[in-house]
PDB file of all heavy atoms in Angstrom:
ATOM      1  N   VAL A   1      -0.076 -14.743  -5.429  1.00  0.00           N
ATOM      2  CA  VAL A   1      -0.748 -16.055  -5.446  1.00  0.00           C
ATOM      3  C   VAL A   1      -2.333 -15.681  -5.230  1.00  0.00           C
ATOM      4  O   VAL A   1      -2.661 -14.712  -4.709  1.00  0.00           O
ATOM      5  CB  VAL A   1      -0.252 -16.990  -4.247  1.00  0.00           C
ATOM      6  CG1 VAL A   1      -0.482 -16.226  -2.852  1.00  0.00           C
ATOM      7  CG2 VAL A   1      -0.883 -18.295  -4.226  1.00  0.00           C
ATOM      8  N   GLU A   2      -3.117 -16.581  -5.743  1.00  0.00           N
ATOM      9  CA  GLU A   2      -4.499 -16.364  -5.718  1.00  0.00           C
ATOM     10  C   GLU A   2      -5.182 -17.138  -4.457  1.00  0.00           C
ATOM     11  O   GLU A   2      -4.740 -18.355  -4.075  1.00  0.00           O
ATOM     12  CB  GLU A   2      -5.157 -16.883  -7.016  1.00  0.00           C
ATOM     13  CG  GLU A   2      -6.618 -16.247  -7.187  1.00  0.00           C
ATOM     14  CD  GLU A   2      -7.076 -16.470  -8.694  1.00  0.00           C
ATOM     15  OE1 GLU A   2      -6.533 -15.652  -9.510  1.00  0.00           O
ATOM     16  OE2 GLU A   2      -7.997 -17.242  -8.807  1.00  0.00           O
ATOM     17  N   ARG A   3      -6.020 -16.482  -3.818  1.00  0.00           N
ATOM     18  CA  ARG A   3      -6.711 -17.085  -2.612  1.00  0.00           C
ATOM     19  C   ARG A   3      -8.159 -16.680  -2.745  1.00  0.00           C
ATOM     20  O   ARG A   3      -8.447 -15.424  -2.815  1.00  0.00           O
ATOM     21  CB  ARG A   3      -5.999 -16.553  -1.369  1.00  0.00           C
ATOM     22  CG  ARG A   3      -6.887 -17.165  -0.138  1.00  0.00           C
ATOM     23  CD  ARG A   3      -6.359 -16.626   1.194  1.00  0.00           C
ATOM     24  NE  ARG A   3      -7.206 -16.990   2.245  1.00  0.00           N
ATOM     25  CZ  ARG A   3      -6.648 -17.722   3.269  1.00  0.00           C
ATOM     26  NH1 ARG A   3      -5.573 -18.107   3.359  1.00  0.00           N
ATOM     27  NH2 ARG A   3      -7.549 -18.102   4.323  1.00  0.00           N
ATOM     28  N   GLU A   4      -9.068 -17.689  -2.853  1.00  0.00           N
ATOM     29  CA  GLU A   4     -10.479 -17.313  -2.894  1.00  0.00           C
ATOM     30  C   GLU A   4     -10.862 -16.311  -3.932  1.00  0.00           C
ATOM     31  O   GLU A   4     -11.720 -15.510  -3.835  1.00  0.00           O
ATOM     32  CB  GLU A   4     -11.018 -16.995  -1.537  1.00  0.00           C
ATOM     33  CG  GLU A   4     -10.903 -17.914  -0.460  1.00  0.00           C
ATOM     34  CD  GLU A   4     -11.349 -17.425   0.878  1.00  0.00           C
ATOM     35  OE1 GLU A   4     -12.138 -16.462   0.905  1.00  0.00           O
ATOM     36  OE2 GLU A   4     -10.904 -18.009   1.878  1.00  0.00           O
ATOM     37  N   GLY A   5     -10.095 -16.416  -5.161  1.00  0.00           N
ATOM     38  CA  GLY A   5     -10.441 -15.590  -6.212  1.00  0.00           C
ATOM     39  C   GLY A   5      -9.739 -14.256  -6.130  1.00  0.00           C
ATOM     40  O   GLY A   5      -9.908 -13.321  -7.078  1.00  0.00           O
ATOM     41  N   HIS A   6      -8.929 -13.875  -5.081  1.00  0.00           N
ATOM     42  CA  HIS A   6      -8.368 -12.601  -4.897  1.00  0.00           C
ATOM     43  C   HIS A   6      -6.782 -12.812  -4.999  1.00  0.00           C
ATOM     44  O   HIS A   6      -6.274 -13.622  -4.314  1.00  0.00           O
ATOM     45  CB  HIS A   6      -8.695 -12.033  -3.577  1.00  0.00           C
ATOM     46  CG  HIS A   6     -10.084 -11.532  -3.455  1.00  0.00           C
ATOM     47  ND1 HIS A   6     -10.573 -10.415  -3.935  1.00  0.00           N
ATOM     48  CD2 HIS A   6     -11.118 -12.223  -2.868  1.00  0.00           C
ATOM     49  CE1 HIS A   6     -11.946 -10.318  -3.739  1.00  0.00           C
ATOM     50  NE2 HIS A   6     -12.256 -11.394  -2.933  1.00  0.00           N
ATOM     51  N   PRO A   7      -6.135 -11.902  -5.817  1.00  0.00           N
ATOM     52  CA  PRO A   7      -4.651 -12.004  -5.774  1.00  0.00           C
ATOM     53  C   PRO A   7      -4.099 -11.534  -4.428  1.00  0.00           C
ATOM     54  O   PRO A   7      -4.508 -10.536  -3.913  1.00  0.00           O
ATOM     55  CB  PRO A   7      -4.256 -11.061  -6.876  1.00  0.00           C
ATOM     56  CG  PRO A   7      -5.480 -10.864  -7.804  1.00  0.00           C
ATOM     57  CD  PRO A   7      -6.543 -11.043  -6.808  1.00  0.00           C
ATOM     58  N   VAL A   8      -3.160 -12.207  -3.909  1.00  0.00           N
ATOM     59  CA  VAL A   8      -2.424 -11.757  -2.657  1.00  0.00           C
ATOM     60  C   VAL A   8      -0.946 -11.546  -3.112  1.00  0.00           C
ATOM     61  O   VAL A   8      -0.243 -12.461  -3.482  1.00  0.00           O
ATOM     62  CB  VAL A   8      -2.483 -12.832  -1.598  1.00  0.00           C
ATOM     63  CG1 VAL A   8      -1.655 -12.373  -0.390  1.00  0.00           C
ATOM     64  CG2 VAL A   8      -3.946 -13.051  -1.153  1.00  0.00           C
ATOM     65  N   VAL A   9      -0.566 -10.349  -3.089  1.00  0.00           N
ATOM     66  CA  VAL A   9       0.838 -10.057  -3.474  1.00  0.00           C
ATOM     67  C   VAL A   9       1.814 -10.595  -2.583  1.00  0.00           C
ATOM     68  O   VAL A   9       1.754 -10.280  -1.288  1.00  0.00           O
ATOM     69  CB  VAL A   9       0.972  -8.546  -3.688  1.00  0.00           C
ATOM     70  CG1 VAL A   9       2.554  -8.138  -3.769  1.00  0.00           C
ATOM     71  CG2 VAL A   9       0.248  -8.079  -4.938  1.00  0.00           C
ATOM     72  N   LEU A  10       2.886 -11.208  -3.102  1.00  0.00           N
ATOM     73  CA  LEU A  10       3.932 -11.879  -2.208  1.00  0.00           C
ATOM     74  C   LEU A  10       5.216 -11.049  -2.388  1.00  0.00           C
ATOM     75  O   LEU A  10       6.078 -11.276  -1.598  1.00  0.00           O
ATOM     76  CB  LEU A  10       4.273 -13.318  -2.872  1.00  0.00           C
ATOM     77  CG  LEU A  10       3.010 -14.293  -2.871  1.00  0.00           C
ATOM     78  CD1 LEU A  10       3.463 -15.635  -3.525  1.00  0.00           C
ATOM     79  CD2 LEU A  10       2.597 -14.486  -1.437  1.00  0.00           C
ATOM     80  N   HIS A  11       5.341 -10.194  -3.273  1.00  0.00           N
ATOM     81  CA  HIS A  11       6.610  -9.485  -3.477  1.00  0.00           C
ATOM     82  C   HIS A  11       6.740  -8.383  -2.510  1.00  0.00           C
ATOM     83  O   HIS A  11       6.381  -7.264  -2.566  1.00  0.00           O
ATOM     84  CB  HIS A  11       6.478  -8.720  -4.943  1.00  0.00           C
ATOM     85  CG  HIS A  11       7.800  -8.455  -5.562  1.00  0.00           C
ATOM     86  ND1 HIS A  11       8.850  -7.796  -4.885  1.00  0.00           N
ATOM     87  CD2 HIS A  11       8.278  -8.710  -6.912  1.00  0.00           C
ATOM     88  CE1 HIS A  11       9.835  -7.575  -5.717  1.00  0.00           C
ATOM     89  NE2 HIS A  11       9.586  -8.220  -6.869  1.00  0.00           N
ATOM     90  N   THR A  12       7.617  -8.846  -1.431  1.00  0.00           N
ATOM     91  CA  THR A  12       7.796  -7.922  -0.333  1.00  0.00           C
ATOM     92  C   THR A  12       8.498  -6.671  -0.647  1.00  0.00           C
ATOM     93  O   THR A  12       8.239  -5.549  -0.011  1.00  0.00           O
ATOM     94  CB  THR A  12       8.638  -8.659   0.856  1.00  0.00           C
ATOM     95  OG1 THR A  12       9.787  -9.106   0.299  1.00  0.00           O
ATOM     96  CG2 THR A  12       7.873  -9.838   1.370  1.00  0.00           C
ATOM     97  N   HIS A  13       9.276  -6.672  -1.673  1.00  0.00           N
ATOM     98  CA  HIS A  13      10.051  -5.460  -2.058  1.00  0.00           C
ATOM     99  C   HIS A  13       9.158  -4.381  -2.658  1.00  0.00           C
ATOM    100  O   HIS A  13       9.555  -3.239  -2.760  1.00  0.00           O
ATOM    101  CB  HIS A  13      11.110  -5.806  -3.172  1.00  0.00           C
ATOM    102  CG  HIS A  13      12.077  -6.926  -2.758  1.00  0.00           C
ATOM    103  ND1 HIS A  13      12.929  -7.704  -3.593  1.00  0.00           N
ATOM    104  CD2 HIS A  13      12.373  -7.353  -1.506  1.00  0.00           C
ATOM    105  CE1 HIS A  13      13.522  -8.471  -2.928  1.00  0.00           C
ATOM    106  NE2 HIS A  13      13.173  -8.344  -1.629  1.00  0.00           N
ATOM    107  N   LYS A  14       8.078  -4.817  -3.068  1.00  0.00           N
ATOM    108  CA  LYS A  14       7.018  -3.824  -3.578  1.00  0.00           C
ATOM    109  C   LYS A  14       6.082  -3.209  -2.628  1.00  0.00           C
ATOM    110  O   LYS A  14       5.446  -2.083  -2.902  1.00  0.00           O
ATOM    111  CB  LYS A  14       6.108  -4.469  -4.750  1.00  0.00           C
ATOM    112  CG  LYS A  14       6.799  -5.005  -5.893  1.00  0.00           C
ATOM    113  CD  LYS A  14       7.264  -3.874  -6.882  1.00  0.00           C
ATOM    114  CE  LYS A  14       7.819  -4.395  -8.147  1.00  0.00           C
ATOM    115  NZ  LYS A  14       8.155  -3.367  -9.110  1.00  0.00           N
ATOM    116  N   THR A  15       6.154  -3.690  -1.320  1.00  0.00           N
ATOM    117  CA  THR A  15       5.252  -3.217  -0.320  1.00  0.00           C
ATOM    118  C   THR A  15       5.649  -1.782   0.043  1.00  0.00           C
ATOM    119  O   THR A  15       4.597  -0.938   0.305  1.00  0.00           O
ATOM    120  CB  THR A  15       5.383  -4.126   0.833  1.00  0.00           C
ATOM    121  OG1 THR A  15       5.057  -5.401   0.574  1.00  0.00           O
ATOM    122  CG2 THR A  15       4.420  -3.640   1.942  1.00  0.00           C
ATOM    123  N   ASN A  16       6.818  -1.360   0.036  1.00  0.00           N
ATOM    124  CA  ASN A  16       7.094   0.043   0.312  1.00  0.00           C
ATOM    125  C   ASN A  16       6.646   0.975  -0.828  1.00  0.00           C
ATOM    126  O   ASN A  16       6.137   2.065  -0.385  1.00  0.00           O
ATOM    127  CB  ASN A  16       8.612   0.190   0.440  1.00  0.00           C
ATOM    128  CG  ASN A  16       9.157  -0.204   1.809  1.00  0.00           C
ATOM    129  OD1 ASN A  16       8.508  -0.934   2.613  1.00  0.00           O
ATOM    130  ND2 ASN A  16      10.323   0.111   2.154  1.00  0.00           N
ATOM    131  N   ASP A  17       6.580   0.526  -1.993  1.00  0.00           N
ATOM    132  CA  ASP A  17       5.964   1.213  -3.126  1.00  0.00           C
ATOM    133  C   ASP A  17       4.541   1.411  -2.857  1.00  0.00           C
ATOM    134  O   ASP A  17       3.965   2.572  -3.130  1.00  0.00           O
ATOM    135  CB  ASP A  17       6.247   0.631  -4.369  1.00  0.00           C
ATOM    136  CG  ASP A  17       7.704   0.585  -4.878  1.00  0.00           C
ATOM    137  OD1 ASP A  17       8.506   1.340  -4.258  1.00  0.00           O
ATOM    138  OD2 ASP A  17       8.061  -0.334  -5.574  1.00  0.00           O
ATOM    139  N   VAL A  18       3.875   0.397  -2.418  1.00  0.00           N
ATOM    140  CA  VAL A  18       2.442   0.496  -2.198  1.00  0.00           C
ATOM    141  C   VAL A  18       2.228   1.469  -1.022  1.00  0.00           C
ATOM    142  O   VAL A  18       1.268   2.231  -1.097  1.00  0.00           O
ATOM    143  CB  VAL A  18       1.882  -0.956  -1.734  1.00  0.00           C
ATOM    144  CG1 VAL A  18       0.424  -0.907  -1.211  1.00  0.00           C
ATOM    145  CG2 VAL A  18       1.947  -1.854  -2.971  1.00  0.00           C
ATOM    146  N   ALA A  19       2.980   1.344   0.007  1.00  0.00           N
ATOM    147  CA  ALA A  19       2.760   2.198   1.177  1.00  0.00           C
ATOM    148  C   ALA A  19       2.976   3.724   0.788  1.00  0.00           C
ATOM    149  O   ALA A  19       2.292   4.578   1.282  1.00  0.00           O
ATOM    150  CB  ALA A  19       3.717   1.885   2.289  1.00  0.00           C
ATOM    151  N   ARG A  20       4.026   3.968   0.055  1.00  0.00           N
ATOM    152  CA  ARG A  20       4.238   5.370  -0.452  1.00  0.00           C
ATOM    153  C   ARG A  20       3.015   5.970  -1.200  1.00  0.00           C
ATOM    154  O   ARG A  20       2.681   6.967  -1.017  1.00  0.00           O
ATOM    155  CB  ARG A  20       5.534   5.406  -1.332  1.00  0.00           C
ATOM    156  CG  ARG A  20       5.852   6.802  -1.904  1.00  0.00           C
ATOM    157  CD  ARG A  20       7.017   6.702  -2.811  1.00  0.00           C
ATOM    158  NE  ARG A  20       8.337   6.755  -2.163  1.00  0.00           N
ATOM    159  CZ  ARG A  20       8.990   7.946  -1.812  1.00  0.00           C
ATOM    160  NH1 ARG A  20       8.390   9.092  -2.208  1.00  0.00           N
ATOM    161  NH2 ARG A  20      10.135   7.867  -1.328  1.00  0.00           N
ATOM    162  N   PHE A  21       2.535   5.015  -2.092  1.00  0.00           N
ATOM    163  CA  PHE A  21       1.461   5.457  -2.873  1.00  0.00           C
ATOM    164  C   PHE A  21       0.287   5.879  -2.085  1.00  0.00           C
ATOM    165  O   PHE A  21      -0.381   6.843  -2.281  1.00  0.00           O
ATOM    166  CB  PHE A  21       1.111   4.416  -3.873  1.00  0.00           C
ATOM    167  CG  PHE A  21      -0.097   4.822  -4.767  1.00  0.00           C
ATOM    168  CD1 PHE A  21      -0.123   5.650  -5.651  1.00  0.00           C
ATOM    169  CD2 PHE A  21      -1.239   4.043  -4.558  1.00  0.00           C
ATOM    170  CE1 PHE A  21      -1.167   6.062  -6.403  1.00  0.00           C
ATOM    171  CE2 PHE A  21      -2.383   4.297  -5.354  1.00  0.00           C
ATOM    172  CZ  PHE A  21      -2.322   5.357  -6.253  1.00  0.00           C
ATOM    173  N   LEU A  22       0.101   4.997  -1.016  1.00  0.00           N
ATOM    174  CA  LEU A  22      -1.088   5.353  -0.157  1.00  0.00           C
ATOM    175  C   LEU A  22      -0.995   6.554   0.659  1.00  0.00           C
ATOM    176  O   LEU A  22      -1.876   7.387   0.740  1.00  0.00           O
ATOM    177  CB  LEU A  22      -1.199   4.011   0.826  1.00  0.00           C
ATOM    178  CG  LEU A  22      -1.764   2.751   0.151  1.00  0.00           C
ATOM    179  CD1 LEU A  22      -1.663   1.616   1.258  1.00  0.00           C
ATOM    180  CD2 LEU A  22      -3.179   2.810  -0.313  1.00  0.00           C
ATOM    181  N   MET A  23       0.371   6.877   1.111  1.00  0.00           N
ATOM    182  CA  MET A  23       0.514   7.951   1.958  1.00  0.00           C
ATOM    183  C   MET A  23       0.455   9.149   0.971  1.00  0.00           C
ATOM    184  O   MET A  23      -0.027  10.246   1.351  1.00  0.00           O
ATOM    185  CB  MET A  23       1.997   7.835   2.600  1.00  0.00           C
ATOM    186  CG  MET A  23       1.992   6.870   3.728  1.00  0.00           C
ATOM    187  SD  MET A  23       3.533   6.792   4.582  1.00  0.00           S
ATOM    188  CE  MET A  23       4.706   6.102   3.370  1.00  0.00           C
ATOM    189  N   GLU A  24       1.029   9.161  -0.215  1.00  0.00           N
ATOM    190  CA  GLU A  24       0.956  10.275  -1.187  1.00  0.00           C
ATOM    191  C   GLU A  24      -0.442  10.635  -1.550  1.00  0.00           C
ATOM    192  O   GLU A  24      -0.780  11.729  -1.833  1.00  0.00           O
ATOM    193  CB  GLU A  24       1.911   9.998  -2.309  1.00  0.00           C
ATOM    194  CG  GLU A  24       3.359   9.998  -2.051  1.00  0.00           C
ATOM    195  CD  GLU A  24       4.253   9.645  -3.104  1.00  0.00           C
ATOM    196  OE1 GLU A  24       3.753   9.112  -4.193  1.00  0.00           O
ATOM    197  OE2 GLU A  24       5.457   9.976  -3.081  1.00  0.00           O
ATOM    198  N   GLU A  25      -1.291   9.532  -1.758  1.00  0.00           N
ATOM    199  CA  GLU A  25      -2.703   9.772  -2.062  1.00  0.00           C
ATOM    200  C   GLU A  25      -3.603  10.079  -0.894  1.00  0.00           C
ATOM    201  O   GLU A  25      -4.809  10.185  -1.029  1.00  0.00           O
ATOM    202  CB  GLU A  25      -3.155   8.476  -2.739  1.00  0.00           C
ATOM    203  CG  GLU A  25      -2.665   8.124  -4.088  1.00  0.00           C
ATOM    204  CD  GLU A  25      -3.019   9.242  -5.140  1.00  0.00           C
ATOM    205  OE1 GLU A  25      -4.176   9.592  -5.290  1.00  0.00           O
ATOM    206  OE2 GLU A  25      -2.072   9.805  -5.809  1.00  0.00           O
ATOM    207  N   LYS A  26      -2.949  10.189   0.344  1.00  0.00           N
ATOM    208  CA  LYS A  26      -3.746  10.537   1.601  1.00  0.00           C
ATOM    209  C   LYS A  26      -4.798   9.526   1.758  1.00  0.00           C
ATOM    210  O   LYS A  26      -5.767   9.913   2.364  1.00  0.00           O
ATOM    211  CB  LYS A  26      -4.303  12.002   1.466  1.00  0.00           C
ATOM    212  CG  LYS A  26      -3.263  13.106   1.035  1.00  0.00           C
ATOM    213  CD  LYS A  26      -2.177  13.155   1.904  1.00  0.00           C
ATOM    214  CE  LYS A  26      -1.099  14.231   1.436  1.00  0.00           C
ATOM    215  NZ  LYS A  26       0.104  14.337   2.228  1.00  0.00           N
ATOM    216  N   ALA A  27      -4.576   8.262   1.636  1.00  0.00           N
ATOM    217  CA  ALA A  27      -5.486   7.142   1.859  1.00  0.00           C
ATOM    218  C   ALA A  27      -5.188   6.669   3.288  1.00  0.00           C
ATOM    219  O   ALA A  27      -6.103   5.807   3.724  1.00  0.00           O
ATOM    220  CB  ALA A  27      -5.190   6.066   0.916  1.00  0.00           C
ATOM    221  N   ILE A  28      -4.364   7.077   4.071  1.00  0.00           N
ATOM    222  CA  ILE A  28      -4.175   6.627   5.486  1.00  0.00           C
ATOM    223  C   ILE A  28      -4.581   7.822   6.272  1.00  0.00           C
ATOM    224  O   ILE A  28      -3.677   8.791   6.544  1.00  0.00           O
ATOM    225  CB  ILE A  28      -2.837   6.178   5.656  1.00  0.00           C
ATOM    226  CG1 ILE A  28      -2.430   5.030   4.761  1.00  0.00           C
ATOM    227  CG2 ILE A  28      -2.529   5.715   7.157  1.00  0.00           C
ATOM    228  CD1 ILE A  28      -1.029   4.505   4.813  1.00  0.00           C
ATOM    229  N   PRO A  29      -5.643   7.864   7.031  1.00  0.00           N
ATOM    230  CA  PRO A  29      -6.282   9.037   7.705  1.00  0.00           C
ATOM    231  C   PRO A  29      -5.186   9.604   8.727  1.00  0.00           C
ATOM    232  O   PRO A  29      -4.983  10.766   8.892  1.00  0.00           O
ATOM    233  CB  PRO A  29      -7.413   8.469   8.422  1.00  0.00           C
ATOM    234  CG  PRO A  29      -7.981   7.442   7.444  1.00  0.00           C
ATOM    235  CD  PRO A  29      -6.730   6.743   6.983  1.00  0.00           C
ATOM    236  N   ASP A  30      -4.521   8.687   9.557  1.00  0.00           N
ATOM    237  CA  ASP A  30      -3.612   9.219  10.574  1.00  0.00           C
ATOM    238  C   ASP A  30      -2.289   9.917  10.012  1.00  0.00           C
ATOM    239  O   ASP A  30      -1.798  10.622  10.798  1.00  0.00           O
ATOM    240  CB  ASP A  30      -3.146   8.051  11.443  1.00  0.00           C
ATOM    241  CG  ASP A  30      -4.264   7.546  12.311  1.00  0.00           C
ATOM    242  OD1 ASP A  30      -5.255   8.221  12.413  1.00  0.00           O
ATOM    243  OD2 ASP A  30      -4.101   6.516  12.998  1.00  0.00           O
ATOM    244  N   LEU A  31      -2.179   9.776   8.651  1.00  0.00           N
ATOM    245  CA  LEU A  31      -0.904  10.268   8.076  1.00  0.00           C
ATOM    246  C   LEU A  31      -1.128  11.299   7.030  1.00  0.00           C
ATOM    247  O   LEU A  31      -0.324  11.911   6.362  1.00  0.00           O
ATOM    248  CB  LEU A  31       0.018   9.234   7.416  1.00  0.00           C
ATOM    249  CG  LEU A  31       0.331   7.951   8.398  1.00  0.00           C
ATOM    250  CD1 LEU A  31       1.136   7.019   7.521  1.00  0.00           C
ATOM    251  CD2 LEU A  31       1.084   8.520   9.573  1.00  0.00           C
ATOM    252  N   ARG A  32      -2.429  11.762   6.985  1.00  0.00           N
ATOM    253  CA  ARG A  32      -2.829  12.690   5.904  1.00  0.00           C
ATOM    254  C   ARG A  32      -2.193  14.112   5.947  1.00  0.00           C
ATOM    255  O   ARG A  32      -2.035  14.768   4.941  1.00  0.00           O
ATOM    256  CB  ARG A  32      -4.391  12.913   5.823  1.00  0.00           C
ATOM    257  CG  ARG A  32      -5.157  11.778   5.148  1.00  0.00           C
ATOM    258  CD  ARG A  32      -6.618  11.972   5.256  1.00  0.00           C
ATOM    259  NE  ARG A  32      -7.208  10.650   4.693  1.00  0.00           N
ATOM    260  CZ  ARG A  32      -8.478  10.360   4.908  1.00  0.00           C
ATOM    261  NH1 ARG A  32      -9.231  11.152   5.714  1.00  0.00           N
ATOM    262  NH2 ARG A  32      -9.076   9.366   4.277  1.00  0.00           N
ATOM    263  N   GLY A  33      -1.848  14.530   7.166  1.00  0.00           N
ATOM    264  CA  GLY A  33      -1.159  15.848   7.237  1.00  0.00           C
ATOM    265  C   GLY A  33       0.268  15.811   7.025  1.00  0.00           C
ATOM    266  O   GLY A  33       0.942  16.959   6.934  1.00  0.00           O
ATOM    267  N   PHE A  34       0.828  14.753   6.671  1.00  0.00           N
ATOM    268  CA  PHE A  34       2.279  14.642   6.408  1.00  0.00           C
ATOM    269  C   PHE A  34       2.554  14.276   4.945  1.00  0.00           C
ATOM    270  O   PHE A  34       1.754  13.730   4.204  1.00  0.00           O
ATOM    271  CB  PHE A  34       2.799  13.484   7.213  1.00  0.00           C
ATOM    272  CG  PHE A  34       2.818  13.757   8.753  1.00  0.00           C
ATOM    273  CD1 PHE A  34       1.750  13.523   9.441  1.00  0.00           C
ATOM    274  CD2 PHE A  34       3.919  14.243   9.330  1.00  0.00           C
ATOM    275  CE1 PHE A  34       1.723  13.801  10.819  1.00  0.00           C
ATOM    276  CE2 PHE A  34       4.009  14.489  10.749  1.00  0.00           C
ATOM    277  CZ  PHE A  34       2.898  14.355  11.535  1.00  0.00           C
ATOM    278  N   ASP A  35       3.779  14.791   4.565  1.00  0.00           N
ATOM    279  CA  ASP A  35       4.226  14.506   3.172  1.00  0.00           C
ATOM    280  C   ASP A  35       5.472  13.534   3.333  1.00  0.00           C
ATOM    281  O   ASP A  35       6.303  13.774   4.276  1.00  0.00           O
ATOM    282  CB  ASP A  35       4.647  15.745   2.461  1.00  0.00           C
ATOM    283  CG  ASP A  35       3.412  16.723   2.207  1.00  0.00           C
ATOM    284  OD1 ASP A  35       2.369  16.108   1.891  1.00  0.00           O
ATOM    285  OD2 ASP A  35       3.479  17.891   2.475  1.00  0.00           O
ATOM    286  N   VAL A  36       5.668  12.789   2.329  1.00  0.00           N
ATOM    287  CA  VAL A  36       6.872  11.969   2.246  1.00  0.00           C
ATOM    288  C   VAL A  36       8.000  12.698   1.892  1.00  0.00           C
ATOM    289  O   VAL A  36       8.098  13.334   0.893  1.00  0.00           O
ATOM    290  CB  VAL A  36       6.729  10.771   1.348  1.00  0.00           C
ATOM    291  CG1 VAL A  36       7.992   9.784   1.242  1.00  0.00           C
ATOM    292  CG2 VAL A  36       5.439   9.917   1.699  1.00  0.00           C
TER     293      VAL A  36
END
């Protein structure tokens, strides 16, 4: 859904895919030393 010109993702089933991508790309500093 769009809010103030920005898409806000509603698909909760995709959130884990997003988190995995962030962890694999080392985009979360506290988790950079870990692999999925």
